[in-house]
């Protein structure tokens, strides 16, 4: 396994970027931040859109096991 991302092939780098986009969408969904999944999916390469959906489903499932951000009420 190559740990230096600069040495990855173009196809592997595209997969890393698609995975990063999917994890970002799942993060924003988890913390109720605005996100337009359709727009982000359309930006991904055509041949990796199914991979994007797979990774998005994976991160959505994983987020169920994570805690929420702590709630701190604002003092006036």
PDB file of N, CA and C in Angstrom:
ATOM      1  N   UNK A   1       0.845  -1.190   0.000  1.00  0.00           N
ATOM      2  CA  UNK A   1       0.000   0.000   0.000  1.00  0.00           C
ATOM      3  C   UNK A   1       0.882   1.241   0.000  1.00  0.00           C
ATOM      4  N   UNK A   2       0.544   2.187  -0.830  1.00  0.00           N
ATOM      5  CA  UNK A   2       1.285   3.435  -0.929  1.00  0.00           C
ATOM      6  C   UNK A   2       0.672   4.454   0.035  1.00  0.00           C
ATOM      7  N   UNK A   3       1.502   5.043   0.877  1.00  0.00           N
ATOM      8  CA  UNK A   3       1.013   6.038   1.834  1.00  0.00           C
ATOM      9  C   UNK A   3       1.225   7.460   1.327  1.00  0.00           C
ATOM     10  N   UNK A   4       2.056   7.619   0.319  1.00  0.00           N
ATOM     11  CA  UNK A   4       2.286   8.924  -0.270  1.00  0.00           C
ATOM     12  C   UNK A   4       1.236   9.144  -1.354  1.00  0.00           C
ATOM     13  N   UNK A   5       0.301  10.035  -1.101  1.00  0.00           N
ATOM     14  CA  UNK A   5      -0.794  10.260  -2.043  1.00  0.00           C
ATOM     15  C   UNK A   5      -0.319  10.792  -3.385  1.00  0.00           C
ATOM     16  N   UNK A   6       0.828  11.429  -3.414  1.00  0.00           N
ATOM     17  CA  UNK A   6       1.354  11.958  -4.667  1.00  0.00           C
ATOM     18  C   UNK A   6       1.774  10.834  -5.614  1.00  0.00           C
ATOM     19  N   UNK A   7       1.990   9.643  -5.080  1.00  0.00           N
ATOM     20  CA  UNK A   7       2.415   8.513  -5.902  1.00  0.00           C
ATOM     21  C   UNK A   7       1.248   7.673  -6.412  1.00  0.00           C
ATOM     22  N   UNK A   8       0.039   8.023  -6.051  1.00  0.00           N
ATOM     23  CA  UNK A   8      -1.123   7.271  -6.516  1.00  0.00           C
ATOM     24  C   UNK A   8      -1.382   7.547  -7.990  1.00  0.00           C
ATOM     25  N   UNK A   9      -1.960   6.568  -8.651  1.00  0.00           N
ATOM     26  CA  UNK A   9      -2.336   6.769 -10.046  1.00  0.00           C
ATOM     27  C   UNK A   9      -3.543   7.708 -10.109  1.00  0.00           C
ATOM     28  N   UNK A  10      -3.840   8.201 -11.281  1.00  0.00           N
ATOM     29  CA  UNK A  10      -4.971   9.119 -11.472  1.00  0.00           C
ATOM     30  C   UNK A  10      -6.281   8.472 -11.034  1.00  0.00           C
ATOM     31  N   UNK A  11      -6.479   7.200 -11.385  1.00  0.00           N
ATOM     32  CA  UNK A  11      -7.707   6.497 -11.016  1.00  0.00           C
ATOM     33  C   UNK A  11      -7.820   6.335  -9.498  1.00  0.00           C
ATOM     34  N   UNK A  12      -6.716   5.977  -8.848  1.00  0.00           N
ATOM     35  CA  UNK A  12      -6.742   5.828  -7.388  1.00  0.00           C
ATOM     36  C   UNK A  12      -6.975   7.168  -6.702  1.00  0.00           C
ATOM     37  N   UNK A  13      -6.382   8.232  -7.246  1.00  0.00           N
ATOM     38  CA  UNK A  13      -6.572   9.564  -6.669  1.00  0.00           C
ATOM     39  C   UNK A  13      -8.020  10.014  -6.825  1.00  0.00           C
ATOM     40  N   UNK A  14      -8.636   9.697  -7.952  1.00  0.00           N
ATOM     41  CA  UNK A  14     -10.053  10.016  -8.141  1.00  0.00           C
ATOM     42  C   UNK A  14     -10.917   9.300  -7.111  1.00  0.00           C
ATOM     43  N   UNK A  15     -10.587   8.047  -6.822  1.00  0.00           N
ATOM     44  CA  UNK A  15     -11.349   7.295  -5.819  1.00  0.00           C
ATOM     45  C   UNK A  15     -11.178   7.904  -4.431  1.00  0.00           C
ATOM     46  N   UNK A  16      -9.970   8.358  -4.111  1.00  0.00           N
ATOM     47  CA  UNK A  16      -9.726   9.016  -2.825  1.00  0.00           C
ATOM     48  C   UNK A  16     -10.569  10.280  -2.723  1.00  0.00           C
ATOM     49  N   UNK A  17     -10.617  11.062  -3.791  1.00  0.00           N
ATOM     50  CA  UNK A  17     -11.397  12.296  -3.780  1.00  0.00           C
ATOM     51  C   UNK A  17     -12.897  12.030  -3.680  1.00  0.00           C
ATOM     52  N   UNK A  18     -13.381  10.992  -4.344  1.00  0.00           N
ATOM     53  CA  UNK A  18     -14.794  10.624  -4.260  1.00  0.00           C
ATOM     54  C   UNK A  18     -15.127  10.174  -2.838  1.00  0.00           C
ATOM     55  N   UNK A  19     -14.238   9.393  -2.252  1.00  0.00           N
ATOM     56  CA  UNK A  19     -14.430   8.938  -0.875  1.00  0.00           C
ATOM     57  C   UNK A  19     -14.463  10.121   0.085  1.00  0.00           C
ATOM     58  N   UNK A  20     -13.591  11.073  -0.121  1.00  0.00           N
ATOM     59  CA  UNK A  20     -13.555  12.276   0.712  1.00  0.00           C
ATOM     60  C   UNK A  20     -14.855  13.072   0.575  1.00  0.00           C
ATOM     61  N   UNK A  21     -15.367  13.188  -0.629  1.00  0.00           N
ATOM     62  CA  UNK A  21     -16.633  13.893  -0.843  1.00  0.00           C
ATOM     63  C   UNK A  21     -17.779  13.183  -0.131  1.00  0.00           C
ATOM     64  N   UNK A  22     -17.808  11.850  -0.199  1.00  0.00           N
ATOM     65  CA  UNK A  22     -18.868  11.081   0.468  1.00  0.00           C
ATOM     66  C   UNK A  22     -18.794  11.234   1.976  1.00  0.00           C
ATOM     67  N   UNK A  23     -17.603  11.216   2.532  1.00  0.00           N
ATOM     68  CA  UNK A  23     -17.473  11.375   3.978  1.00  0.00           C
ATOM     69  C   UNK A  23     -17.884  12.780   4.407  1.00  0.00           C
ATOM     70  N   UNK A  24     -17.593  13.771   3.576  1.00  0.00           N
ATOM     71  CA  UNK A  24     -18.007  15.138   3.886  1.00  0.00           C
ATOM     72  C   UNK A  24     -19.516  15.305   3.882  1.00  0.00           C
ATOM     73  N   UNK A  25     -20.186  14.663   2.950  1.00  0.00           N
ATOM     74  CA  UNK A  25     -21.648  14.713   2.898  1.00  0.00           C
ATOM     75  C   UNK A  25     -22.234  14.058   4.137  1.00  0.00           C
ATOM     76  N   UNK A  26     -21.727  12.896   4.502  1.00  0.00           N
ATOM     77  CA  UNK A  26     -22.233  12.190   5.686  1.00  0.00           C
ATOM     78  C   UNK A  26     -22.007  13.015   6.946  1.00  0.00           C
ATOM     79  N   UNK A  27     -20.865  13.680   7.042  1.00  0.00           N
ATOM     80  CA  UNK A  27     -20.578  14.526   8.198  1.00  0.00           C
ATOM     81  C   UNK A  27     -21.587  15.662   8.296  1.00  0.00           C
ATOM     82  N   UNK A  28     -21.810  16.331   7.183  1.00  0.00           N
ATOM     83  CA  UNK A  28     -22.752  17.456   7.192  1.00  0.00           C
ATOM     84  C   UNK A  28     -24.166  17.000   7.508  1.00  0.00           C
ATOM     85  N   UNK A  29     -24.569  15.849   6.993  1.00  0.00           N
ATOM     86  CA  UNK A  29     -25.894  15.323   7.316  1.00  0.00           C
ATOM     87  C   UNK A  29     -26.004  15.040   8.807  1.00  0.00           C
ATOM     88  N   UNK A  30     -24.980  14.470   9.381  1.00  0.00           N
ATOM     89  CA  UNK A  30     -24.997  14.097  10.801  1.00  0.00           C
ATOM     90  C   UNK A  30     -25.180  15.308  11.693  1.00  0.00           C
ATOM     91  N   UNK A  31     -24.585  16.414  11.350  1.00  0.00           N
ATOM     92  CA  UNK A  31     -24.647  17.610  12.185  1.00  0.00           C
ATOM     93  C   UNK A  31     -25.606  18.656  11.631  1.00  0.00           C
ATOM     94  N   UNK A  32     -26.552  18.214  10.819  1.00  0.00           N
ATOM     95  CA  UNK A  32     -27.627  19.070  10.303  1.00  0.00           C
ATOM     96  C   UNK A  32     -27.114  20.334   9.630  1.00  0.00           C
ATOM     97  N   UNK A  33     -26.072  20.184   8.864  1.00  0.00           N
ATOM     98  CA  UNK A  33     -25.531  21.295   8.100  1.00  0.00           C
ATOM     99  C   UNK A  33     -26.118  21.214   6.690  1.00  0.00           C
ATOM    100  N   UNK A  34     -26.294  22.345   6.032  1.00  0.00           N
ATOM    101  CA  UNK A  34     -26.862  22.302   4.679  1.00  0.00           C
ATOM    102  C   UNK A  34     -25.909  21.622   3.694  1.00  0.00           C
ATOM    103  N   UNK A  35     -26.460  20.706   2.910  1.00  0.00           N
ATOM    104  CA  UNK A  35     -25.669  19.995   1.906  1.00  0.00           C
ATOM    105  C   UNK A  35     -26.597  19.584   0.772  1.00  0.00           C
ATOM    106  N   UNK A  36     -26.133  19.741  -0.457  1.00  0.00           N
ATOM    107  CA  UNK A  36     -26.911  19.315  -1.627  1.00  0.00           C
ATOM    108  C   UNK A  36     -26.203  18.116  -2.243  1.00  0.00           C
ATOM    109  N   UNK A  37     -26.711  16.947  -1.932  1.00  0.00           N
ATOM    110  CA  UNK A  37     -26.090  15.705  -2.354  1.00  0.00           C
ATOM    111  C   UNK A  37     -26.072  15.593  -3.872  1.00  0.00           C
ATOM    112  N   UNK A  38     -27.156  15.993  -4.517  1.00  0.00           N
ATOM    113  CA  UNK A  38     -27.234  15.875  -5.983  1.00  0.00           C
ATOM    114  C   UNK A  38     -26.129  16.661  -6.674  1.00  0.00           C
ATOM    115  N   UNK A  39     -25.879  17.861  -6.189  1.00  0.00           N
ATOM    116  CA  UNK A  39     -24.841  18.696  -6.784  1.00  0.00           C
ATOM    117  C   UNK A  39     -23.467  18.065  -6.599  1.00  0.00           C
ATOM    118  N   UNK A  40     -23.208  17.569  -5.405  1.00  0.00           N
ATOM    119  CA  UNK A  40     -21.909  16.957  -5.130  1.00  0.00           C
ATOM    120  C   UNK A  40     -21.729  15.690  -5.952  1.00  0.00           C
ATOM    121  N   UNK A  41     -22.799  14.920  -6.085  1.00  0.00           N
ATOM    122  CA  UNK A  41     -22.719  13.699  -6.881  1.00  0.00           C
ATOM    123  C   UNK A  41     -22.468  14.009  -8.357  1.00  0.00           C
ATOM    124  N   UNK A  42     -23.072  15.065  -8.874  1.00  0.00           N
ATOM    125  CA  UNK A  42     -22.891  15.424 -10.287  1.00  0.00           C
ATOM    126  C   UNK A  42     -21.463  15.865 -10.593  1.00  0.00           C
ATOM    127  N   UNK A  43     -20.753  16.369  -9.583  1.00  0.00           N
ATOM    128  CA  UNK A  43     -19.375  16.818  -9.769  1.00  0.00           C
ATOM    129  C   UNK A  43     -18.415  15.627  -9.882  1.00  0.00           C
ATOM    130  N   UNK A  44     -18.812  14.487  -9.348  1.00  0.00           N
ATOM    131  CA  UNK A  44     -17.949  13.309  -9.360  1.00  0.00           C
ATOM    132  C   UNK A  44     -17.856  12.742 -10.784  1.00  0.00           C
ATOM    133  N   UNK A  45     -16.734  12.092 -11.101  1.00  0.00           N
ATOM    134  CA  UNK A  45     -16.610  11.468 -12.426  1.00  0.00           C
ATOM    135  C   UNK A  45     -17.734  10.451 -12.658  1.00  0.00           C
ATOM    136  N   UNK A  46     -18.213  10.389 -13.863  1.00  0.00           N
ATOM    137  CA  UNK A  46     -19.356   9.524 -14.207  1.00  0.00           C
ATOM    138  C   UNK A  46     -19.119   8.077 -13.791  1.00  0.00           C
ATOM    139  N   UNK A  47     -17.937   7.553 -14.053  1.00  0.00           N
ATOM    140  CA  UNK A  47     -17.671   6.143 -13.762  1.00  0.00           C
ATOM    141  C   UNK A  47     -17.521   5.845 -12.273  1.00  0.00           C
ATOM    142  N   UNK A  48     -17.481   6.886 -11.427  1.00  0.00           N
ATOM    143  CA  UNK A  48     -17.330   6.683  -9.977  1.00  0.00           C
ATOM    144  C   UNK A  48     -18.573   7.092  -9.178  1.00  0.00           C
ATOM    145  N   UNK A  49     -19.658   7.388  -9.844  1.00  0.00           N
ATOM    146  CA  UNK A  49     -20.854   7.813  -9.111  1.00  0.00           C
ATOM    147  C   UNK A  49     -21.471   6.683  -8.293  1.00  0.00           C
ATOM    148  N   UNK A  50     -21.421   5.475  -8.815  1.00  0.00           N
ATOM    149  CA  UNK A  50     -21.917   4.331  -8.038  1.00  0.00           C
ATOM    150  C   UNK A  50     -21.025   4.120  -6.816  1.00  0.00           C
ATOM    151  N   UNK A  51     -19.726   4.283  -6.986  1.00  0.00           N
ATOM    152  CA  UNK A  51     -18.784   4.188  -5.866  1.00  0.00           C
ATOM    153  C   UNK A  51     -19.087   5.268  -4.825  1.00  0.00           C
ATOM    154  N   UNK A  52     -19.424   6.470  -5.282  1.00  0.00           N
ATOM    155  CA  UNK A  52     -19.801   7.559  -4.373  1.00  0.00           C
ATOM    156  C   UNK A  52     -21.000   7.144  -3.525  1.00  0.00           C
ATOM    157  N   UNK A  53     -22.020   6.564  -4.141  1.00  0.00           N
ATOM    158  CA  UNK A  53     -23.208   6.128  -3.408  1.00  0.00           C
ATOM    159  C   UNK A  53     -22.861   5.036  -2.402  1.00  0.00           C
ATOM    160  N   UNK A  54     -22.003   4.102  -2.789  1.00  0.00           N
ATOM    161  CA  UNK A  54     -21.588   3.037  -1.877  1.00  0.00           C
ATOM    162  C   UNK A  54     -20.872   3.603  -0.659  1.00  0.00           C
ATOM    163  N   UNK A  55     -19.942   4.525  -0.905  1.00  0.00           N
ATOM    164  CA  UNK A  55     -19.182   5.113   0.200  1.00  0.00           C
ATOM    165  C   UNK A  55     -20.074   5.994   1.070  1.00  0.00           C
ATOM    166  N   UNK A  56     -21.026   6.703   0.464  1.00  0.00           N
ATOM    167  CA  UNK A  56     -21.951   7.525   1.232  1.00  0.00           C
ATOM    168  C   UNK A  56     -22.788   6.652   2.158  1.00  0.00           C
ATOM    169  N   UNK A  57     -23.295   5.526   1.648  1.00  0.00           N
ATOM    170  CA  UNK A  57     -24.052   4.600   2.490  1.00  0.00           C
ATOM    171  C   UNK A  57     -23.185   4.040   3.610  1.00  0.00           C
ATOM    172  N   UNK A  58     -21.932   3.736   3.307  1.00  0.00           N
ATOM    173  CA  UNK A  58     -21.011   3.227   4.317  1.00  0.00           C
ATOM    174  C   UNK A  58     -20.835   4.259   5.441  1.00  0.00           C
ATOM    175  N   UNK A  59     -20.566   5.510   5.081  1.00  0.00           N
ATOM    176  CA  UNK A  59     -20.348   6.541   6.096  1.00  0.00           C
ATOM    177  C   UNK A  59     -21.621   6.859   6.872  1.00  0.00           C
ATOM    178  N   UNK A  60     -22.765   6.774   6.236  1.00  0.00           N
ATOM    179  CA  UNK A  60     -24.022   6.966   6.956  1.00  0.00           C
ATOM    180  C   UNK A  60     -24.214   5.887   8.011  1.00  0.00           C
ATOM    181  N   UNK A  61     -23.893   4.647   7.670  1.00  0.00           N
ATOM    182  CA  UNK A  61     -24.001   3.551   8.639  1.00  0.00           C
ATOM    183  C   UNK A  61     -23.007   3.721   9.779  1.00  0.00           C
ATOM    184  N   UNK A  62     -21.801   4.123   9.456  1.00  0.00           N
ATOM    185  CA  UNK A  62     -20.782   4.309  10.481  1.00  0.00           C
ATOM    186  C   UNK A  62     -21.129   5.440  11.439  1.00  0.00           C
ATOM    187  N   UNK A  63     -21.813   6.458  10.950  1.00  0.00           N
ATOM    188  CA  UNK A  63     -22.124   7.607  11.799  1.00  0.00           C
ATOM    189  C   UNK A  63     -23.106   7.257  12.909  1.00  0.00           C
ATOM    190  N   UNK A  64     -23.836   6.160  12.756  1.00  0.00           N
ATOM    191  CA  UNK A  64     -24.766   5.739  13.812  1.00  0.00           C
ATOM    192  C   UNK A  64     -24.030   5.355  15.095  1.00  0.00           C
ATOM    193  N   UNK A  65     -22.779   4.956  14.977  1.00  0.00           N
ATOM    194  CA  UNK A  65     -22.012   4.509  16.132  1.00  0.00           C
ATOM    195  C   UNK A  65     -21.185   5.623  16.766  1.00  0.00           C
ATOM    196  N   UNK A  66     -21.289   6.808  16.237  1.00  0.00           N
ATOM    197  CA  UNK A  66     -20.505   7.932  16.749  1.00  0.00           C
ATOM    198  C   UNK A  66     -21.388   8.840  17.590  1.00  0.00           C
ATOM    199  N   UNK A  67     -20.754   9.522  18.531  1.00  0.00           N
ATOM    200  CA  UNK A  67     -21.504  10.427  19.388  1.00  0.00           C
ATOM    201  C   UNK A  67     -21.729  11.755  18.674  1.00  0.00           C
ATOM    202  N   UNK A  68     -22.657  12.495  19.188  1.00  0.00           N
ATOM    203  CA  UNK A  68     -22.939  13.828  18.654  1.00  0.00           C
ATOM    204  C   UNK A  68     -21.975  14.835  19.267  1.00  0.00           C
ATOM    205  N   UNK A  69     -21.929  16.020  18.660  1.00  0.00           N
ATOM    206  CA  UNK A  69     -21.150  17.094  19.256  1.00  0.00           C
ATOM    207  C   UNK A  69     -21.808  17.511  20.566  1.00  0.00           C
ATOM    208  N   UNK A  70     -21.013  17.863  21.562  1.00  0.00           N
ATOM    209  CA  UNK A  70     -21.635  18.269  22.835  1.00  0.00           C
ATOM    210  C   UNK A  70     -22.426  19.559  22.652  1.00  0.00           C
ATOM    211  N   UNK A  71     -23.530  19.619  23.354  1.00  0.00           N
ATOM    212  CA  UNK A  71     -24.381  20.809  23.295  1.00  0.00           C
ATOM    213  C   UNK A  71     -23.985  21.738  24.415  1.00  0.00           C
ATOM    214  N   UNK A  72     -23.666  22.969  24.066  1.00  0.00           N
ATOM    215  CA  UNK A  72     -23.302  23.971  25.065  1.00  0.00           C
ATOM    216  C   UNK A  72     -24.225  25.162  24.870  1.00  0.00           C
ATOM    217  N   UNK A  73     -25.165  25.372  25.792  1.00  0.00           N
ATOM    218  CA  UNK A  73     -26.058  26.525  25.650  1.00  0.00           C
ATOM    219  C   UNK A  73     -25.268  27.822  25.780  1.00  0.00           C
ATOM    220  N   UNK A  74     -25.658  28.795  25.009  1.00  0.00           N
ATOM    221  CA  UNK A  74     -24.997  30.093  25.067  1.00  0.00           C
ATOM    222  C   UNK A  74     -25.488  30.880  26.274  1.00  0.00           C
ATOM    223  N   UNK A  75     -24.568  31.465  26.978  1.00  0.00           N
ATOM    224  CA  UNK A  75     -24.963  32.297  28.120  1.00  0.00           C
ATOM    225  C   UNK A  75     -25.156  33.734  27.645  1.00  0.00           C
ATOM    226  N   UNK A  76     -26.080  34.410  28.286  1.00  0.00           N
ATOM    227  CA  UNK A  76     -26.352  35.803  27.894  1.00  0.00           C
ATOM    228  C   UNK A  76     -25.734  36.773  28.821  1.00  0.00           C
TER     229      UNK A  76
END
